Amino acid sequence: MADDIKSGMDPRVPLLLLLSVTTGLVDAASVLGLGKVFTANMTGNVVFLGFAAAGTPGFRVAPFVIAILSFLVGALIAGRTARIYAGLSERRWLLTAALVETVLLWIAAFVARGFDVASQSPDPALFAIIALTGLAMGFRNATIRSLKVADLTTTVLTLTLTGIAADSGAAGGGNPNWGRRIAAVIAIFAGAAIGAWLLFHVGLAAPLAVAGGLVLLGTIACALHPAMRRPI
């Protein structure tokens, strides 16, 4: 993975920050538009599934099960795809992953046009959007995991926030990667805020469509960098 590329010059860093923005967009669409379901971050789904299993009002088992299973399938497919691309350029792998994710998000956006957020109906559209975005985010997470860029998972912030505090000067640490850690928090925050605005002012399809476009355009821009010719 080209250890000789300096952290600050790594073309993957701005891409992963942009992908973090899309995480906020997708979570805004899923949590606010699909009834408290996370399709980019699975921790919340496991907790909510526990609530549903206990019979808590307002929580259904099916949406959370579909989200978790589709996420796992997406990650599995990405893992197998990465092995197929082993030895080929990182550029080809990232472009393939971006195309898969973008197509899934755009199909979800198309399906969302026929979904009523207020009544959470019809169920087939609800489950289809959850499955499509879950597949996309599972594929994304497995892809990012293979890149091994420190402190930029693009979907979760628990360890990032822990690192900001635990590795800070106040804790006796050296503040490693503090810039990208803070940028990751800001990116997901911004994506969530923009996604919420799009959902309430334009519709459920909007944040999903914008997320897909950002994934594709950002990856193409990253792929143009000469360093992306290196093998994965």
C-alpha atoms as a PDB file:
ATOM      1  CA  MET A   1       0.000   0.000   0.000  1.00  0.00           C
ATOM      2  CA  ALA A   2       2.817   2.386  -0.827  1.00  0.00           C
ATOM      3  CA  ASP A   3       4.165   3.210   2.611  1.00  0.00           C
ATOM      4  CA  ASP A   4       6.417   5.745   0.948  1.00  0.00           C
ATOM      5  CA  ILE A   5       3.482   8.122   0.322  1.00  0.00           C
ATOM      6  CA  LYS A   6       3.423  10.745   2.989  1.00  0.00           C
ATOM      7  CA  SER A   7       0.200  11.028   4.950  1.00  0.00           C
ATOM      8  CA  GLY A   8      -0.418  14.621   3.983  1.00  0.00           C
ATOM      9  CA  MET A   9       0.094  13.906   0.287  1.00  0.00           C
ATOM     10  CA  ASP A  10      -1.927  10.718   0.102  1.00  0.00           C
ATOM     11  CA  PRO A  11      -4.636  11.295  -2.555  1.00  0.00           C
ATOM     12  CA  ARG A  12      -6.898   8.873  -0.718  1.00  0.00           C
ATOM     13  CA  VAL A  13      -7.249  11.189   2.281  1.00  0.00           C
ATOM     14  CA  PRO A  14      -9.452  13.850   0.590  1.00  0.00           C
ATOM     15  CA  LEU A  15     -11.435  11.048  -1.069  1.00  0.00           C
ATOM     16  CA  LEU A  16     -12.130   9.363   2.262  1.00  0.00           C
ATOM     17  CA  LEU A  17     -13.172  12.670   3.797  1.00  0.00           C
ATOM     18  CA  LEU A  18     -15.593  13.178   0.906  1.00  0.00           C
ATOM     19  CA  LEU A  19     -16.907   9.650   1.437  1.00  0.00           C
ATOM     20  CA  SER A  20     -17.418  10.564   5.089  1.00  0.00           C
ATOM     21  CA  VAL A  21     -19.694  13.369   3.916  1.00  0.00           C
ATOM     22  CA  THR A  22     -21.705  10.822   1.926  1.00  0.00           C
ATOM     23  CA  THR A  23     -22.051   8.703   5.066  1.00  0.00           C
ATOM     24  CA  GLY A  24     -23.854  11.607   6.698  1.00  0.00           C
ATOM     25  CA  LEU A  25     -26.077  11.932   3.632  1.00  0.00           C
ATOM     26  CA  VAL A  26     -26.986   8.240   3.638  1.00  0.00           C
ATOM     27  CA  ASP A  27     -27.587   8.109   7.385  1.00  0.00           C
ATOM     28  CA  ALA A  28     -29.805  11.198   7.168  1.00  0.00           C
ATOM     29  CA  ALA A  29     -31.855   9.465   4.483  1.00  0.00           C
ATOM     30  CA  SER A  30     -32.091   6.169   6.347  1.00  0.00           C
ATOM     31  CA  VAL A  31     -32.576   7.377   9.936  1.00  0.00           C
ATOM     32  CA  LEU A  32     -34.912  10.285   9.164  1.00  0.00           C
ATOM     33  CA  GLY A  33     -36.583   8.817   6.096  1.00  0.00           C
ATOM     34  CA  LEU A  34     -36.778   5.086   6.751  1.00  0.00           C
ATOM     35  CA  GLY A  35     -37.805   4.921  10.388  1.00  0.00           C
ATOM     36  CA  LYS A  36     -34.660   5.063  12.506  1.00  0.00           C
ATOM     37  CA  VAL A  37     -32.701   2.522  10.436  1.00  0.00           C
ATOM     38  CA  PHE A  38     -28.952   2.987   9.957  1.00  0.00           C
ATOM     39  CA  THR A  39     -27.603   1.652   6.675  1.00  0.00           C
ATOM     40  CA  ALA A  40     -24.074   3.075   6.920  1.00  0.00           C
ATOM     41  CA  ASN A  41     -23.411   2.291  10.593  1.00  0.00           C
ATOM     42  CA  MET A  42     -24.449  -1.104  11.925  1.00  0.00           C
ATOM     43  CA  THR A  43     -23.964  -0.483  15.675  1.00  0.00           C
ATOM     44  CA  GLY A  44     -27.218   1.423  15.904  1.00  0.00           C
ATOM     45  CA  ASN A  45     -29.081  -1.341  14.080  1.00  0.00           C
ATOM     46  CA  VAL A  46     -27.908  -4.003  16.513  1.00  0.00           C
ATOM     47  CA  VAL A  47     -29.071  -1.846  19.439  1.00  0.00           C
ATOM     48  CA  PHE A  48     -32.407  -1.057  17.760  1.00  0.00           C
ATOM     49  CA  LEU A  49     -32.874  -4.732  16.886  1.00  0.00           C
ATOM     50  CA  GLY A  50     -32.537  -5.477  20.584  1.00  0.00           C
ATOM     51  CA  PHE A  51     -35.243  -2.884  21.292  1.00  0.00           C
ATOM     52  CA  ALA A  52     -37.484  -4.460  18.652  1.00  0.00           C
ATOM     53  CA  ALA A  53     -36.898  -7.962  20.013  1.00  0.00           C
ATOM     54  CA  ALA A  54     -38.053  -6.728  23.426  1.00  0.00           C
ATOM     55  CA  GLY A  55     -41.288  -5.439  21.887  1.00  0.00           C
ATOM     56  CA  THR A  56     -40.468  -1.739  22.231  1.00  0.00           C
ATOM     57  CA  PRO A  57     -43.171   0.378  20.500  1.00  0.00           C
ATOM     58  CA  GLY A  58     -42.014   1.980  17.258  1.00  0.00           C
ATOM     59  CA  PHE A  59     -39.343  -0.613  16.467  1.00  0.00           C
ATOM     60  CA  ARG A  60     -39.856  -3.437  13.964  1.00  0.00           C
ATOM     61  CA  VAL A  61     -37.507  -6.383  13.610  1.00  0.00           C
ATOM     62  CA  ALA A  62     -37.591  -6.667   9.801  1.00  0.00           C
ATOM     63  CA  PRO A  63     -35.966  -3.316   8.817  1.00  0.00           C
ATOM     64  CA  PHE A  64     -32.980  -3.848  11.104  1.00  0.00           C
ATOM     65  CA  VAL A  65     -32.480  -7.468  10.030  1.00  0.00           C
ATOM     66  CA  ILE A  66     -32.604  -6.452   6.365  1.00  0.00           C
ATOM     67  CA  ALA A  67     -30.103  -3.636   6.970  1.00  0.00           C
ATOM     68  CA  ILE A  68     -27.625  -5.894   8.770  1.00  0.00           C
ATOM     69  CA  LEU A  69     -27.913  -8.780   6.300  1.00  0.00           C
ATOM     70  CA  SER A  70     -27.607  -6.555   3.216  1.00  0.00           C
ATOM     71  CA  PHE A  71     -24.584  -4.836   4.771  1.00  0.00           C
ATOM     72  CA  LEU A  72     -22.940  -8.212   5.362  1.00  0.00           C
ATOM     73  CA  VAL A  73     -23.661  -9.325   1.791  1.00  0.00           C
ATOM     74  CA  GLY A  74     -22.191  -6.098   0.431  1.00  0.00           C
ATOM     75  CA  ALA A  75     -19.046  -6.527   2.519  1.00  0.00           C
ATOM     76  CA  LEU A  76     -18.732 -10.160   1.453  1.00  0.00           C
ATOM     77  CA  ILE A  77     -18.992  -9.282  -2.239  1.00  0.00           C
ATOM     78  CA  ALA A  78     -16.432  -6.497  -1.811  1.00  0.00           C
ATOM     79  CA  GLY A  79     -14.044  -8.847  -0.042  1.00  0.00           C
ATOM     80  CA  ARG A  80     -14.210 -11.355  -2.873  1.00  0.00           C
ATOM     81  CA  THR A  81     -13.899  -8.608  -5.480  1.00  0.00           C
ATOM     82  CA  ALA A  82     -10.793  -7.205  -3.774  1.00  0.00           C
ATOM     83  CA  ARG A  83      -9.138 -10.618  -4.003  1.00  0.00           C
ATOM     84  CA  ILE A  84      -9.939 -10.773  -7.719  1.00  0.00           C
ATOM     85  CA  TYR A  85      -8.272  -7.368  -8.144  1.00  0.00           C
ATOM     86  CA  ALA A  86      -5.190  -8.329  -6.109  1.00  0.00           C
ATOM     87  CA  GLY A  87      -2.066  -7.283  -7.984  1.00  0.00           C
ATOM     88  CA  LEU A  88      -3.954  -4.834 -10.185  1.00  0.00           C
ATOM     89  CA  SER A  89      -3.859  -1.066  -9.740  1.00  0.00           C
ATOM     90  CA  GLU A  90      -5.570   0.567  -6.806  1.00  0.00           C
ATOM     91  CA  ARG A  91      -7.125   2.928  -9.338  1.00  0.00           C
ATOM     92  CA  ARG A  92      -9.075   0.102 -10.985  1.00  0.00           C
ATOM     93  CA  TRP A  93     -10.248  -1.275  -7.654  1.00  0.00           C
ATOM     94  CA  LEU A  94     -11.463   2.098  -6.360  1.00  0.00           C
ATOM     95  CA  LEU A  95     -13.235   2.970  -9.600  1.00  0.00           C
ATOM     96  CA  THR A  96     -14.984  -0.406  -9.610  1.00  0.00           C
ATOM     97  CA  ALA A  97     -16.036   0.021  -5.978  1.00  0.00           C
ATOM     98  CA  ALA A  98     -17.270   3.553  -6.645  1.00  0.00           C
ATOM     99  CA  LEU A  99     -19.297   2.428  -9.647  1.00  0.00           C
ATOM    100  CA  VAL A 100     -20.953  -0.352  -7.625  1.00  0.00           C
ATOM    101  CA  GLU A 101     -21.774   1.983  -4.752  1.00  0.00           C
ATOM    102  CA  THR A 102     -23.042   4.755  -7.008  1.00  0.00           C
ATOM    103  CA  VAL A 103     -25.330   2.460  -9.002  1.00  0.00           C
ATOM    104  CA  LEU A 104     -26.825   1.022  -5.813  1.00  0.00           C
ATOM    105  CA  LEU A 105     -27.412   4.472  -4.314  1.00  0.00           C
ATOM    106  CA  TRP A 106     -28.948   5.809  -7.513  1.00  0.00           C
ATOM    107  CA  ILE A 107     -31.286   2.831  -7.790  1.00  0.00           C
ATOM    108  CA  ALA A 108     -32.263   3.438  -4.160  1.00  0.00           C
ATOM    109  CA  ALA A 109     -32.918   7.097  -5.013  1.00  0.00           C
ATOM    110  CA  PHE A 110     -35.141   6.024  -7.910  1.00  0.00           C
ATOM    111  CA  VAL A 111     -37.122   3.664  -5.665  1.00  0.00           C
ATOM    112  CA  ALA A 112     -37.394   6.419  -3.038  1.00  0.00           C
ATOM    113  CA  ARG A 113     -39.421   8.536  -5.443  1.00  0.00           C
ATOM    114  CA  GLY A 114     -42.371   6.208  -4.830  1.00  0.00           C
ATOM    115  CA  PHE A 115     -41.957   6.012  -1.049  1.00  0.00           C
ATOM    116  CA  ASP A 116     -44.011   8.097   1.395  1.00  0.00           C
ATOM    117  CA  VAL A 117     -41.885   9.082   4.386  1.00  0.00           C
ATOM    118  CA  ALA A 118     -44.813  10.245   6.507  1.00  0.00           C
ATOM    119  CA  SER A 119     -46.670   6.919   6.355  1.00  0.00           C
ATOM    120  CA  GLN A 120     -43.545   4.772   5.876  1.00  0.00           C
ATOM    121  CA  SER A 121     -45.174   3.006   2.960  1.00  0.00           C
ATOM    122  CA  PRO A 122     -45.222   0.952   0.872  1.00  0.00           C
ATOM    123  CA  ASP A 123     -43.249  -1.743   2.680  1.00  0.00           C
ATOM    124  CA  PRO A 124     -41.653  -3.192  -0.495  1.00  0.00           C
ATOM    125  CA  ALA A 125     -40.116   0.199  -1.282  1.00  0.00           C
ATOM    126  CA  LEU A 126     -38.955   0.616   2.318  1.00  0.00           C
ATOM    127  CA  PHE A 127     -37.239  -2.750   2.366  1.00  0.00           C
ATOM    128  CA  ALA A 128     -35.756  -2.228  -1.105  1.00  0.00           C
ATOM    129  CA  ILE A 129     -34.182   1.118  -0.150  1.00  0.00           C
ATOM    130  CA  ILE A 130     -32.786  -0.354   3.056  1.00  0.00           C
ATOM    131  CA  ALA A 131     -31.338  -3.341   1.195  1.00  0.00           C
ATOM    132  CA  LEU A 132     -29.832  -1.258  -1.616  1.00  0.00           C
ATOM    133  CA  THR A 133     -28.172   1.270   0.685  1.00  0.00           C
ATOM    134  CA  GLY A 134     -27.068  -1.495   3.050  1.00  0.00           C
ATOM    135  CA  LEU A 135     -25.386  -3.317   0.173  1.00  0.00           C
ATOM    136  CA  ALA A 136     -23.685  -0.089  -0.919  1.00  0.00           C
ATOM    137  CA  MET A 137     -22.403   0.716   2.550  1.00  0.00           C
ATOM    138  CA  GLY A 138     -21.254  -2.843   3.205  1.00  0.00           C
ATOM    139  CA  PHE A 139     -19.316  -2.774  -0.065  1.00  0.00           C
ATOM    140  CA  ARG A 140     -17.895   0.633   0.924  1.00  0.00           C
ATOM    141  CA  ASN A 141     -16.774  -0.472   4.383  1.00  0.00           C
ATOM    142  CA  ALA A 142     -14.968  -3.536   3.076  1.00  0.00           C
ATOM    143  CA  THR A 143     -13.270  -1.417   0.410  1.00  0.00           C
ATOM    144  CA  ILE A 144     -12.102   1.202   2.915  1.00  0.00           C
ATOM    145  CA  ARG A 145     -10.905  -1.527   5.252  1.00  0.00           C
ATOM    146  CA  SER A 146      -8.630  -2.848   2.508  1.00  0.00           C
ATOM    147  CA  LEU A 147      -7.086   0.605   1.978  1.00  0.00           C
ATOM    148  CA  LYS A 148      -5.836   0.775   5.595  1.00  0.00           C
ATOM    149  CA  VAL A 149      -5.733   4.564   5.832  1.00  0.00           C
ATOM    150  CA  ALA A 150      -5.357   5.424   9.515  1.00  0.00           C
ATOM    151  CA  ASP A 151      -8.203   7.276  11.263  1.00  0.00           C
ATOM    152  CA  LEU A 152     -10.470   7.450   8.212  1.00  0.00           C
ATOM    153  CA  THR A 153     -13.076   4.696   8.252  1.00  0.00           C
ATOM    154  CA  THR A 154     -15.660   7.027   6.580  1.00  0.00           C
ATOM    155  CA  THR A 155     -18.594   5.566   8.544  1.00  0.00           C
ATOM    156  CA  VAL A 156     -17.908   5.430  12.304  1.00  0.00           C
ATOM    157  CA  LEU A 157     -16.462   8.000  14.702  1.00  0.00           C
ATOM    158  CA  THR A 158     -16.282   6.282  18.094  1.00  0.00           C
ATOM    159  CA  LEU A 159     -12.598   5.360  17.795  1.00  0.00           C
ATOM    160  CA  THR A 160     -11.854   8.636  16.034  1.00  0.00           C
ATOM    161  CA  LEU A 161     -13.277  10.661  18.920  1.00  0.00           C
ATOM    162  CA  THR A 162     -11.516   8.383  21.399  1.00  0.00           C
ATOM    163  CA  GLY A 163      -8.224   9.018  19.616  1.00  0.00           C
ATOM    164  CA  ILE A 164      -8.731  12.787  19.623  1.00  0.00           C
ATOM    165  CA  ALA A 165      -9.022  12.762  23.405  1.00  0.00           C
ATOM    166  CA  ALA A 166      -6.781   9.832  24.406  1.00  0.00           C
ATOM    167  CA  ASP A 167      -3.890  10.853  22.143  1.00  0.00           C
ATOM    168  CA  SER A 168      -4.160  14.579  22.858  1.00  0.00           C
ATOM    169  CA  GLY A 169      -1.484  16.687  24.458  1.00  0.00           C
ATOM    170  CA  ALA A 170      -3.683  16.986  27.556  1.00  0.00           C
ATOM    171  CA  ALA A 171      -3.479  13.194  27.926  1.00  0.00           C
ATOM    172  CA  GLY A 172       0.267  13.214  27.365  1.00  0.00           C
ATOM    173  CA  GLY A 173       0.037  12.118  23.728  1.00  0.00           C
ATOM    174  CA  GLY A 174       1.451  13.562  20.558  1.00  0.00           C
ATOM    175  CA  ASN A 175      -1.836  14.382  18.762  1.00  0.00           C
ATOM    176  CA  PRO A 176      -1.184  12.005  15.828  1.00  0.00           C
ATOM    177  CA  ASN A 177      -3.374  12.605  12.772  1.00  0.00           C
ATOM    178  CA  TRP A 178      -5.374  15.164  14.737  1.00  0.00           C
ATOM    179  CA  GLY A 179      -6.156  17.123  11.574  1.00  0.00           C
ATOM    180  CA  ARG A 180      -7.730  14.245   9.673  1.00  0.00           C
ATOM    181  CA  ARG A 181      -9.522  13.036  12.803  1.00  0.00           C
ATOM    182  CA  ILE A 182     -11.217  16.375  13.318  1.00  0.00           C
ATOM    183  CA  ALA A 183     -11.874  16.664   9.585  1.00  0.00           C
ATOM    184  CA  ALA A 184     -13.602  13.251   9.639  1.00  0.00           C
ATOM    185  CA  VAL A 185     -15.944  14.402  12.420  1.00  0.00           C
ATOM    186  CA  ILE A 186     -16.745  17.618  10.576  1.00  0.00           C
ATOM    187  CA  ALA A 187     -17.310  15.732   7.303  1.00  0.00           C
ATOM    188  CA  ILE A 188     -19.910  13.338   8.732  1.00  0.00           C
ATOM    189  CA  PHE A 189     -21.560  16.193  10.651  1.00  0.00           C
ATOM    190  CA  ALA A 190     -21.783  18.281   7.468  1.00  0.00           C
ATOM    191  CA  GLY A 191     -23.116  15.357   5.453  1.00  0.00           C
ATOM    192  CA  ALA A 192     -25.818  14.669   8.045  1.00  0.00           C
ATOM    193  CA  ALA A 193     -26.885  18.316   8.141  1.00  0.00           C
ATOM    194  CA  ILE A 194     -26.993  18.614   4.354  1.00  0.00           C
ATOM    195  CA  GLY A 195     -28.775  15.272   4.064  1.00  0.00           C
ATOM    196  CA  ALA A 196     -31.433  16.317   6.576  1.00  0.00           C
ATOM    197  CA  TRP A 197     -32.011  19.583   4.715  1.00  0.00           C
ATOM    198  CA  LEU A 198     -32.318  17.786   1.371  1.00  0.00           C
ATOM    199  CA  LEU A 199     -34.691  15.204   2.833  1.00  0.00           C
ATOM    200  CA  PHE A 200     -37.097  17.761   4.300  1.00  0.00           C
ATOM    201  CA  HIS A 201     -36.906  20.327   1.487  1.00  0.00           C
ATOM    202  CA  VAL A 202     -36.461  18.170  -1.626  1.00  0.00           C
ATOM    203  CA  GLY A 203     -37.316  14.587  -0.757  1.00  0.00           C
ATOM    204  CA  LEU A 204     -35.872  11.238   0.270  1.00  0.00           C
ATOM    205  CA  ALA A 205     -34.346  10.594  -3.154  1.00  0.00           C
ATOM    206  CA  ALA A 206     -32.208  13.755  -3.021  1.00  0.00           C
ATOM    207  CA  PRO A 207     -29.590  12.820  -0.375  1.00  0.00           C
ATOM    208  CA  LEU A 208     -29.209   9.363  -1.904  1.00  0.00           C
ATOM    209  CA  ALA A 209     -28.734  10.753  -5.409  1.00  0.00           C
ATOM    210  CA  VAL A 210     -26.258  13.389  -4.216  1.00  0.00           C
ATOM    211  CA  ALA A 211     -24.310  10.781  -2.229  1.00  0.00           C
ATOM    212  CA  GLY A 212     -23.972   8.568  -5.286  1.00  0.00           C
ATOM    213  CA  GLY A 213     -22.765  11.457  -7.416  1.00  0.00           C
ATOM    214  CA  LEU A 214     -20.168  12.542  -4.858  1.00  0.00           C
ATOM    215  CA  VAL A 215     -18.842   8.988  -4.533  1.00  0.00           C
ATOM    216  CA  LEU A 216     -18.361   8.670  -8.296  1.00  0.00           C
ATOM    217  CA  LEU A 217     -16.931  12.136  -8.962  1.00  0.00           C
ATOM    218  CA  GLY A 218     -14.644  12.050  -5.926  1.00  0.00           C
ATOM    219  CA  THR A 219     -13.246   8.646  -6.831  1.00  0.00           C
ATOM    220  CA  ILE A 220     -12.620   9.655 -10.436  1.00  0.00           C
ATOM    221  CA  ALA A 221     -10.706  12.725  -9.218  1.00  0.00           C
ATOM    222  CA  CYS A 222      -8.642  10.569  -6.849  1.00  0.00           C
ATOM    223  CA  ALA A 223      -7.975   7.964  -9.544  1.00  0.00           C
ATOM    224  CA  LEU A 224      -6.322  10.604 -11.743  1.00  0.00           C
ATOM    225  CA  HIS A 225      -3.470  10.928  -9.243  1.00  0.00           C
ATOM    226  CA  PRO A 226      -0.329   9.043 -10.440  1.00  0.00           C
ATOM    227  CA  ALA A 227       0.039   7.314  -7.069  1.00  0.00           C
ATOM    228  CA  MET A 228      -3.162   5.393  -7.686  1.00  0.00           C
ATOM    229  CA  ARG A 229      -1.407   3.262 -10.288  1.00  0.00           C
ATOM    230  CA  ARG A 230       0.213   1.222  -7.531  1.00  0.00           C
ATOM    231  CA  PRO A 231      -1.064  -2.337  -7.039  1.00  0.00           C
ATOM    232  CA  ILE A 232      -3.410  -3.187  -4.211  1.00  0.00           C
END
